[in-house]
Amino acid sequence: MKTQLITEAELAKWLNISKSTLHKLRGEGELPYRILASCIRYSTTEIEAWLASRSVNTTERKEDESSEAKLESPSVPPTQSNQS
């Protein structure tokens, strides 16, 4: 498949995020981009790979959160009743 280069406006529309979010991701080194003749361009192939690397399996996430919650919850000692 031929790599297509798109503009910042096109990528923001594709991902349904603001240009300022793109700037932040790019500044943090998160988002792959290219500079061509002083213009920022994004490779659709690289963006698709970046998105795939950031995908989260919701089933695994719920299991991880459940395990973390069990580890973080304090143990409660059993109640002793004073029956006379």
N, C-alpha and C. Protein backbone atom coordinates (compact mmCIF):
# COMPACT_ATOMS: atom_id res chain seq x y z
N MET A 1 0.84 -1.17 0.00
CA MET A 1 0.00 0.00 0.00
C MET A 1 0.89 1.24 0.00
N LYS A 2 0.53 2.20 -0.80
CA LYS A 2 1.28 3.44 -0.91
C LYS A 2 0.97 4.34 0.29
N THR A 3 2.02 4.89 0.87
CA THR A 3 1.85 5.79 2.01
C THR A 3 1.32 7.13 1.53
N GLN A 4 0.31 7.61 2.21
CA GLN A 4 -0.26 8.91 1.89
C GLN A 4 0.13 9.87 3.02
N LEU A 5 0.54 11.08 2.66
CA LEU A 5 0.85 12.10 3.64
C LEU A 5 -0.32 13.06 3.73
N ILE A 6 -0.73 13.34 4.97
CA ILE A 6 -1.88 14.22 5.17
C ILE A 6 -1.47 15.41 6.05
N THR A 7 -2.27 16.44 5.99
CA THR A 7 -2.00 17.66 6.77
C THR A 7 -2.49 17.50 8.20
N GLU A 8 -2.12 18.47 9.00
CA GLU A 8 -2.56 18.50 10.39
C GLU A 8 -4.08 18.60 10.49
N ALA A 9 -4.68 19.44 9.65
CA ALA A 9 -6.14 19.59 9.67
C ALA A 9 -6.83 18.28 9.29
N GLU A 10 -6.28 17.58 8.31
CA GLU A 10 -6.85 16.29 7.89
C GLU A 10 -6.74 15.25 9.00
N LEU A 11 -5.58 15.21 9.68
CA LEU A 11 -5.40 14.24 10.76
C LEU A 11 -6.31 14.56 11.94
N ALA A 12 -6.42 15.82 12.27
CA ALA A 12 -7.31 16.21 13.38
C ALA A 12 -8.75 15.80 13.08
N LYS A 13 -9.17 15.98 11.86
CA LYS A 13 -10.53 15.59 11.47
C LYS A 13 -10.67 14.08 11.51
N TRP A 14 -9.68 13.35 10.99
CA TRP A 14 -9.70 11.89 10.96
C TRP A 14 -9.81 11.30 12.37
N LEU A 15 -9.00 11.84 13.29
CA LEU A 15 -8.98 11.33 14.67
C LEU A 15 -10.04 11.97 15.55
N ASN A 16 -10.70 12.99 15.03
CA ASN A 16 -11.71 13.72 15.77
C ASN A 16 -11.15 14.32 17.06
N ILE A 17 -9.99 14.95 16.91
CA ILE A 17 -9.35 15.66 18.02
C ILE A 17 -8.93 17.04 17.53
N SER A 18 -8.61 17.90 18.47
CA SER A 18 -8.23 19.27 18.11
C SER A 18 -6.78 19.33 17.63
N LYS A 19 -6.47 20.41 16.93
CA LYS A 19 -5.09 20.63 16.49
C LYS A 19 -4.17 20.81 17.68
N SER A 20 -4.68 21.42 18.75
CA SER A 20 -3.84 21.62 19.94
C SER A 20 -3.46 20.28 20.58
N THR A 21 -4.36 19.30 20.50
CA THR A 21 -4.03 17.96 21.01
C THR A 21 -2.94 17.34 20.14
N LEU A 22 -3.02 17.54 18.83
CA LEU A 22 -1.97 17.05 17.94
C LEU A 22 -0.64 17.70 18.29
N HIS A 23 -0.64 19.01 18.54
CA HIS A 23 0.59 19.73 18.91
C HIS A 23 1.18 19.12 20.17
N LYS A 24 0.33 18.86 21.15
CA LYS A 24 0.79 18.30 22.43
C LYS A 24 1.41 16.92 22.21
N LEU A 25 0.71 16.06 21.48
CA LEU A 25 1.22 14.70 21.23
C LEU A 25 2.53 14.75 20.45
N ARG A 26 2.61 15.64 19.48
CA ARG A 26 3.83 15.78 18.69
C ARG A 26 4.96 16.31 19.56
N GLY A 27 4.67 17.28 20.41
CA GLY A 27 5.69 17.86 21.29
C GLY A 27 6.22 16.87 22.31
N GLU A 28 5.37 15.94 22.73
CA GLU A 28 5.78 14.91 23.70
C GLU A 28 6.50 13.74 23.03
N GLY A 29 6.62 13.80 21.70
CA GLY A 29 7.29 12.73 20.97
C GLY A 29 6.41 11.51 20.79
N GLU A 30 5.12 11.65 21.03
CA GLU A 30 4.18 10.54 20.92
C GLU A 30 3.77 10.28 19.48
N LEU A 31 3.59 11.32 18.72
CA LEU A 31 2.97 11.22 17.41
C LEU A 31 4.02 11.27 16.30
N PRO A 32 4.05 10.26 15.42
CA PRO A 32 5.02 10.29 14.32
C PRO A 32 4.62 11.33 13.26
N TYR A 33 5.60 12.11 12.80
CA TYR A 33 5.32 13.12 11.79
C TYR A 33 6.56 13.36 10.95
N ARG A 34 6.39 14.10 9.87
CA ARG A 34 7.49 14.44 8.98
C ARG A 34 7.43 15.93 8.68
N ILE A 35 8.59 16.49 8.41
CA ILE A 35 8.65 17.89 8.00
C ILE A 35 9.10 17.92 6.55
N LEU A 36 8.27 18.47 5.71
CA LEU A 36 8.58 18.61 4.28
C LEU A 36 8.44 20.07 3.90
N ALA A 37 9.55 20.66 3.49
CA ALA A 37 9.55 22.08 3.09
C ALA A 37 8.86 22.96 4.13
N SER A 38 9.24 22.79 5.37
CA SER A 38 8.71 23.56 6.51
C SER A 38 7.25 23.28 6.82
N CYS A 39 6.70 22.20 6.29
CA CYS A 39 5.31 21.84 6.55
C CYS A 39 5.26 20.50 7.28
N ILE A 40 4.41 20.41 8.28
CA ILE A 40 4.22 19.17 9.02
C ILE A 40 3.26 18.28 8.23
N ARG A 41 3.67 17.03 8.03
CA ARG A 41 2.82 16.05 7.36
C ARG A 41 2.85 14.75 8.16
N TYR A 42 1.75 14.02 8.07
CA TYR A 42 1.61 12.76 8.79
C TYR A 42 1.39 11.63 7.79
N SER A 43 2.11 10.54 7.98
CA SER A 43 1.95 9.36 7.13
C SER A 43 0.77 8.55 7.65
N THR A 44 -0.18 8.27 6.77
CA THR A 44 -1.35 7.49 7.20
C THR A 44 -0.94 6.11 7.69
N THR A 45 0.06 5.52 7.06
CA THR A 45 0.54 4.20 7.48
C THR A 45 1.14 4.26 8.88
N GLU A 46 1.95 5.28 9.16
CA GLU A 46 2.57 5.43 10.48
C GLU A 46 1.51 5.75 11.54
N ILE A 47 0.52 6.55 11.20
CA ILE A 47 -0.54 6.89 12.16
C ILE A 47 -1.36 5.64 12.49
N GLU A 48 -1.67 4.83 11.47
CA GLU A 48 -2.42 3.60 11.73
C GLU A 48 -1.63 2.66 12.64
N ALA A 49 -0.31 2.56 12.44
CA ALA A 49 0.53 1.72 13.30
C ALA A 49 0.57 2.30 14.72
N TRP A 50 0.66 3.63 14.83
CA TRP A 50 0.68 4.30 16.13
C TRP A 50 -0.63 4.04 16.87
N LEU A 51 -1.74 4.14 16.16
CA LEU A 51 -3.04 3.87 16.77
C LEU A 51 -3.14 2.41 17.24
N ALA A 52 -2.68 1.49 16.42
CA ALA A 52 -2.73 0.07 16.77
C ALA A 52 -1.89 -0.21 18.02
N SER A 53 -0.76 0.48 18.15
CA SER A 53 0.10 0.27 19.32
C SER A 53 -0.52 0.83 20.60
N ARG A 54 -1.48 1.72 20.46
CA ARG A 54 -2.12 2.35 21.62
C ARG A 54 -3.49 1.75 21.93
N SER A 55 -3.90 0.72 21.18
CA SER A 55 -5.22 0.14 21.41
C SER A 55 -5.23 -0.63 22.72
N VAL A 56 -6.37 -0.65 23.37
CA VAL A 56 -6.52 -1.29 24.66
C VAL A 56 -7.61 -2.35 24.54
N ASN A 57 -7.30 -3.55 24.99
CA ASN A 57 -8.30 -4.61 25.03
C ASN A 57 -9.11 -4.39 26.29
N THR A 58 -10.38 -4.09 26.15
CA THR A 58 -11.19 -3.74 27.32
C THR A 58 -11.33 -4.89 28.30
N THR A 59 -11.33 -6.13 27.84
CA THR A 59 -11.42 -7.28 28.74
C THR A 59 -10.17 -7.36 29.61
N GLU A 60 -8.99 -7.22 28.98
CA GLU A 60 -7.74 -7.25 29.74
C GLU A 60 -7.67 -6.08 30.71
N ARG A 61 -8.14 -4.93 30.30
CA ARG A 61 -8.10 -3.74 31.16
C ARG A 61 -8.95 -3.94 32.40
N LYS A 62 -10.15 -4.50 32.23
CA LYS A 62 -11.02 -4.74 33.39
C LYS A 62 -10.39 -5.73 34.34
N GLU A 63 -9.74 -6.78 33.80
CA GLU A 63 -9.08 -7.77 34.66
C GLU A 63 -7.93 -7.12 35.41
N ASP A 64 -7.14 -6.27 34.72
CA ASP A 64 -6.02 -5.59 35.37
C ASP A 64 -6.52 -4.68 36.48
N GLU A 65 -7.58 -3.92 36.22
CA GLU A 65 -8.12 -3.00 37.22
C GLU A 65 -8.67 -3.78 38.42
N SER A 66 -9.29 -4.92 38.15
CA SER A 66 -9.82 -5.75 39.23
C SER A 66 -8.69 -6.28 40.09
N SER A 67 -7.62 -6.74 39.47
CA SER A 67 -6.47 -7.24 40.22
C SER A 67 -5.83 -6.15 41.05
N GLU A 68 -5.70 -4.95 40.46
CA GLU A 68 -5.12 -3.83 41.19
C GLU A 68 -6.00 -3.45 42.37
N ALA A 69 -7.30 -3.46 42.20
CA ALA A 69 -8.21 -3.10 43.28
C ALA A 69 -8.08 -4.08 44.43
N LYS A 70 -7.92 -5.36 44.12
CA LYS A 70 -7.77 -6.37 45.18
C LYS A 70 -6.48 -6.16 45.94
N LEU A 71 -5.43 -5.77 45.23
CA LEU A 71 -4.14 -5.54 45.88
C LEU A 71 -4.15 -4.29 46.74
N GLU A 72 -4.89 -3.28 46.30
CA GLU A 72 -4.89 -2.00 47.00
C GLU A 72 -5.88 -1.95 48.15
N SER A 73 -6.91 -2.80 48.15
CA SER A 73 -7.90 -2.72 49.22
C SER A 73 -7.33 -3.30 50.51
N PRO A 74 -7.50 -2.58 51.60
CA PRO A 74 -6.95 -3.05 52.88
C PRO A 74 -7.72 -4.27 53.37
N SER A 75 -6.99 -5.13 54.05
CA SER A 75 -7.63 -6.32 54.61
C SER A 75 -8.41 -5.92 55.84
N VAL A 76 -9.61 -6.39 55.93
CA VAL A 76 -10.45 -6.09 57.08
C VAL A 76 -10.50 -7.35 57.93
N PRO A 77 -10.08 -7.25 59.18
CA PRO A 77 -10.11 -8.45 60.02
C PRO A 77 -11.55 -8.88 60.28
N PRO A 78 -11.76 -10.15 60.41
CA PRO A 78 -13.14 -10.63 60.68
C PRO A 78 -13.64 -10.07 62.00
N THR A 79 -14.92 -9.79 62.05
CA THR A 79 -15.53 -9.23 63.27
C THR A 79 -15.76 -10.34 64.27
N GLN A 80 -15.44 -10.02 65.48
CA GLN A 80 -15.69 -11.00 66.55
C GLN A 80 -16.93 -10.55 67.30
N SER A 81 -17.86 -11.44 67.46
CA SER A 81 -19.08 -11.06 68.19
C SER A 81 -18.96 -11.52 69.63
N ASN A 82 -19.43 -10.70 70.50
CA ASN A 82 -19.44 -11.02 71.94
C ASN A 82 -20.81 -11.51 72.32
N GLN A 83 -21.03 -12.77 72.13
CA GLN A 83 -22.33 -13.34 72.49
C GLN A 83 -22.25 -13.88 73.88
N SER A 84 -23.16 -13.48 74.77
CA SER A 84 -23.17 -13.96 76.13
C SER A 84 -24.42 -14.70 76.43
